[in-house]
């Protein structure tokens, strides 16, 4: 994790607020759509630059979900279910204690990601 941004622009504040207001991961395109409601002249490039700066500074995190990069507040539970039908992510309340895993394995672990794959609550009834 690097240092926090030295200059908080209006655009960066809007982007971080959008990511933290979401209940789960959000794509850059979705951030862009929401940002345009607040800042109609914001460009997609500005959204991507700010998302990347926020990731580099450790304020938000990113993960690949299917073919898309998604962004979410940091720290965020790195354990979730990816729906095989609709591609949505659902947070799974399960945490791993990295200190215990590091001690047990002798490995230096600083982050993790566990992705269960299955069906979300909305898609499950459609597949029965």
C-alpha atoms as a PDB file:
ATOM      1  CA  UNK A   1       0.000   0.000   0.000  1.00  0.00           C
ATOM      2  CA  UNK A   2       1.348   3.392  -0.966  1.00  0.00           C
ATOM      3  CA  UNK A   3       0.550   6.734   0.601  1.00  0.00           C
ATOM      4  CA  UNK A   4      -2.799   8.438   0.369  1.00  0.00           C
ATOM      5  CA  UNK A   5      -3.371  10.811  -2.553  1.00  0.00           C
ATOM      6  CA  UNK A   6      -1.720  14.157  -1.922  1.00  0.00           C
ATOM      7  CA  UNK A   7      -4.528  16.071  -3.595  1.00  0.00           C
ATOM      8  CA  UNK A   8      -8.194  15.184  -3.248  1.00  0.00           C
ATOM      9  CA  UNK A   9     -10.016  16.466  -6.298  1.00  0.00           C
ATOM     10  CA  UNK A  10     -13.770  16.758  -6.558  1.00  0.00           C
ATOM     11  CA  UNK A  11     -13.723  13.897  -9.084  1.00  0.00           C
ATOM     12  CA  UNK A  12     -11.735  11.623  -6.753  1.00  0.00           C
ATOM     13  CA  UNK A  13     -14.116  12.354  -3.874  1.00  0.00           C
ATOM     14  CA  UNK A  14     -17.128  11.492  -6.051  1.00  0.00           C
ATOM     15  CA  UNK A  15     -15.493   8.237  -7.234  1.00  0.00           C
ATOM     16  CA  UNK A  16     -14.558   7.095  -3.718  1.00  0.00           C
ATOM     17  CA  UNK A  17     -18.036   7.973  -2.412  1.00  0.00           C
ATOM     18  CA  UNK A  18     -19.663   5.903  -5.169  1.00  0.00           C
ATOM     19  CA  UNK A  19     -17.475   2.869  -4.432  1.00  0.00           C
ATOM     20  CA  UNK A  20     -18.125   3.084  -0.673  1.00  0.00           C
ATOM     21  CA  UNK A  21     -21.880   3.570  -1.148  1.00  0.00           C
ATOM     22  CA  UNK A  22     -22.198   0.269  -3.027  1.00  0.00           C
ATOM     23  CA  UNK A  23     -23.174  -2.893  -1.164  1.00  0.00           C
ATOM     24  CA  UNK A  24     -20.592  -4.902  -3.126  1.00  0.00           C
ATOM     25  CA  UNK A  25     -18.132  -4.652  -6.008  1.00  0.00           C
ATOM     26  CA  UNK A  26     -18.822  -2.144  -8.793  1.00  0.00           C
ATOM     27  CA  UNK A  27     -17.382  -1.894 -12.314  1.00  0.00           C
ATOM     28  CA  UNK A  28     -15.639   1.203 -13.637  1.00  0.00           C
ATOM     29  CA  UNK A  29     -18.447   1.696 -16.174  1.00  0.00           C
ATOM     30  CA  UNK A  30     -21.028   1.679 -13.389  1.00  0.00           C
ATOM     31  CA  UNK A  31     -18.919   4.159 -11.378  1.00  0.00           C
ATOM     32  CA  UNK A  32     -18.779   6.350 -14.498  1.00  0.00           C
ATOM     33  CA  UNK A  33     -22.574   6.245 -14.940  1.00  0.00           C
ATOM     34  CA  UNK A  34     -23.162   7.239 -11.318  1.00  0.00           C
ATOM     35  CA  UNK A  35     -20.436   9.897 -11.379  1.00  0.00           C
ATOM     36  CA  UNK A  36     -22.092  11.580 -14.368  1.00  0.00           C
ATOM     37  CA  UNK A  37     -25.198  12.134 -12.228  1.00  0.00           C
ATOM     38  CA  UNK A  38     -23.053  14.306  -9.937  1.00  0.00           C
ATOM     39  CA  UNK A  39     -20.449  15.595 -12.413  1.00  0.00           C
ATOM     40  CA  UNK A  40     -22.009  15.513 -15.911  1.00  0.00           C
ATOM     41  CA  UNK A  41     -18.729  16.486 -17.621  1.00  0.00           C
ATOM     42  CA  UNK A  42     -16.536  13.816 -15.984  1.00  0.00           C
ATOM     43  CA  UNK A  43     -14.793  11.563 -18.505  1.00  0.00           C
ATOM     44  CA  UNK A  44     -14.409   7.795 -18.392  1.00  0.00           C
ATOM     45  CA  UNK A  45     -10.623   8.310 -18.426  1.00  0.00           C
ATOM     46  CA  UNK A  46     -10.851  10.464 -15.293  1.00  0.00           C
ATOM     47  CA  UNK A  47     -12.873   7.749 -13.566  1.00  0.00           C
ATOM     48  CA  UNK A  48     -10.287   5.083 -14.488  1.00  0.00           C
ATOM     49  CA  UNK A  49      -7.354   7.283 -13.373  1.00  0.00           C
ATOM     50  CA  UNK A  50      -9.007   7.968 -10.041  1.00  0.00           C
ATOM     51  CA  UNK A  51      -9.922   4.328  -9.497  1.00  0.00           C
ATOM     52  CA  UNK A  52      -6.299   3.337 -10.182  1.00  0.00           C
ATOM     53  CA  UNK A  53      -4.961   6.017  -7.799  1.00  0.00           C
ATOM     54  CA  UNK A  54      -7.364   4.889  -5.097  1.00  0.00           C
ATOM     55  CA  UNK A  55      -6.312   1.250  -5.560  1.00  0.00           C
ATOM     56  CA  UNK A  56      -2.612   2.182  -5.447  1.00  0.00           C
ATOM     57  CA  UNK A  57      -3.157   4.132  -2.242  1.00  0.00           C
ATOM     58  CA  UNK A  58      -5.048   1.233  -0.624  1.00  0.00           C
ATOM     59  CA  UNK A  59      -8.289   3.171  -0.164  1.00  0.00           C
ATOM     60  CA  UNK A  60     -10.222   0.806  -2.442  1.00  0.00           C
ATOM     61  CA  UNK A  61      -9.487  -2.687  -3.745  1.00  0.00           C
ATOM     62  CA  UNK A  62     -10.026  -4.361  -7.097  1.00  0.00           C
ATOM     63  CA  UNK A  63     -10.684  -7.886  -8.247  1.00  0.00           C
ATOM     64  CA  UNK A  64     -11.481  -9.536 -11.546  1.00  0.00           C
ATOM     65  CA  UNK A  65     -15.036 -10.840 -11.757  1.00  0.00           C
ATOM     66  CA  UNK A  66     -15.498 -12.847 -14.907  1.00  0.00           C
ATOM     67  CA  UNK A  67     -14.115 -10.659 -17.685  1.00  0.00           C
ATOM     68  CA  UNK A  68     -14.461  -7.371 -15.743  1.00  0.00           C
ATOM     69  CA  UNK A  69     -12.435  -5.572 -13.102  1.00  0.00           C
ATOM     70  CA  UNK A  70     -14.544  -4.616 -10.105  1.00  0.00           C
ATOM     71  CA  UNK A  71     -13.786  -2.169  -7.325  1.00  0.00           C
ATOM     72  CA  UNK A  72     -14.861  -2.241  -3.700  1.00  0.00           C
ATOM     73  CA  UNK A  73     -14.152  -0.547  -0.377  1.00  0.00           C
ATOM     74  CA  UNK A  74     -10.979  -1.595   1.410  1.00  0.00           C
ATOM     75  CA  UNK A  75     -10.818  -3.547   3.587  1.00  0.00           C
ATOM     76  CA  UNK A  76     -13.557  -5.701   2.150  1.00  0.00           C
ATOM     77  CA  UNK A  77     -14.227  -9.328   2.910  1.00  0.00           C
ATOM     78  CA  UNK A  78     -12.144 -11.209   0.369  1.00  0.00           C
ATOM     79  CA  UNK A  79     -14.528 -14.128   0.580  1.00  0.00           C
ATOM     80  CA  UNK A  80     -17.502 -14.129  -1.732  1.00  0.00           C
ATOM     81  CA  UNK A  81     -19.738 -16.197  -4.008  1.00  0.00           C
ATOM     82  CA  UNK A  82     -19.622 -15.579  -7.743  1.00  0.00           C
ATOM     83  CA  UNK A  83     -22.910 -16.569  -9.366  1.00  0.00           C
ATOM     84  CA  UNK A  84     -22.259 -18.834 -12.359  1.00  0.00           C
ATOM     85  CA  UNK A  85     -25.478 -17.660 -13.998  1.00  0.00           C
ATOM     86  CA  UNK A  86     -25.577 -13.847 -13.622  1.00  0.00           C
ATOM     87  CA  UNK A  87     -21.981 -13.144 -12.543  1.00  0.00           C
ATOM     88  CA  UNK A  88     -22.937 -11.199  -9.419  1.00  0.00           C
ATOM     89  CA  UNK A  89     -20.805 -11.259  -6.271  1.00  0.00           C
ATOM     90  CA  UNK A  90     -22.257 -11.888  -2.847  1.00  0.00           C
ATOM     91  CA  UNK A  91     -20.190 -11.280   0.277  1.00  0.00           C
ATOM     92  CA  UNK A  92     -19.668 -14.378   2.400  1.00  0.00           C
ATOM     93  CA  UNK A  93     -19.101 -13.586   6.079  1.00  0.00           C
ATOM     94  CA  UNK A  94     -16.045 -15.742   6.565  1.00  0.00           C
ATOM     95  CA  UNK A  95     -12.680 -14.374   7.538  1.00  0.00           C
ATOM     96  CA  UNK A  96      -9.291 -16.021   7.595  1.00  0.00           C
ATOM     97  CA  UNK A  97      -6.720 -14.885  10.144  1.00  0.00           C
ATOM     98  CA  UNK A  98      -3.603 -14.292   8.073  1.00  0.00           C
ATOM     99  CA  UNK A  99      -1.307 -14.352  11.095  1.00  0.00           C
ATOM    100  CA  UNK A 100      -2.451 -17.860  11.964  1.00  0.00           C
ATOM    101  CA  UNK A 101      -2.108 -19.061   8.364  1.00  0.00           C
ATOM    102  CA  UNK A 102       1.359 -17.498   8.075  1.00  0.00           C
ATOM    103  CA  UNK A 103       2.472 -19.094  11.334  1.00  0.00           C
ATOM    104  CA  UNK A 104       1.070 -22.511  10.382  1.00  0.00           C
ATOM    105  CA  UNK A 105       2.576 -22.524   6.873  1.00  0.00           C
ATOM    106  CA  UNK A 106       5.715 -20.485   7.387  1.00  0.00           C
ATOM    107  CA  UNK A 107       4.649 -18.279   4.480  1.00  0.00           C
ATOM    108  CA  UNK A 108       4.547 -14.478   4.489  1.00  0.00           C
ATOM    109  CA  UNK A 109       0.913 -13.768   3.544  1.00  0.00           C
ATOM    110  CA  UNK A 110      -0.383 -10.208   3.274  1.00  0.00           C
ATOM    111  CA  UNK A 111      -3.701 -10.707   1.479  1.00  0.00           C
ATOM    112  CA  UNK A 112      -6.041 -13.373   0.198  1.00  0.00           C
ATOM    113  CA  UNK A 113      -9.049 -13.924  -2.002  1.00  0.00           C
ATOM    114  CA  UNK A 114     -11.442 -16.853  -1.844  1.00  0.00           C
ATOM    115  CA  UNK A 115     -14.154 -17.095  -4.466  1.00  0.00           C
ATOM    116  CA  UNK A 116     -16.893 -19.659  -4.167  1.00  0.00           C
ATOM    117  CA  UNK A 117     -18.775 -20.362  -7.379  1.00  0.00           C
ATOM    118  CA  UNK A 118     -22.415 -21.329  -7.438  1.00  0.00           C
ATOM    119  CA  UNK A 119     -25.833 -19.721  -7.742  1.00  0.00           C
ATOM    120  CA  UNK A 120     -27.037 -16.559  -6.010  1.00  0.00           C
ATOM    121  CA  UNK A 121     -30.425 -16.424  -4.248  1.00  0.00           C
ATOM    122  CA  UNK A 122     -32.065 -14.795  -7.290  1.00  0.00           C
ATOM    123  CA  UNK A 123     -30.790 -17.338  -9.822  1.00  0.00           C
ATOM    124  CA  UNK A 124     -31.187 -20.521  -7.783  1.00  0.00           C
ATOM    125  CA  UNK A 125     -34.996 -20.774  -8.226  1.00  0.00           C
ATOM    126  CA  UNK A 126     -34.613 -20.232 -11.995  1.00  0.00           C
ATOM    127  CA  UNK A 127     -32.327 -23.259 -12.292  1.00  0.00           C
ATOM    128  CA  UNK A 128     -34.461 -25.784 -10.427  1.00  0.00           C
END
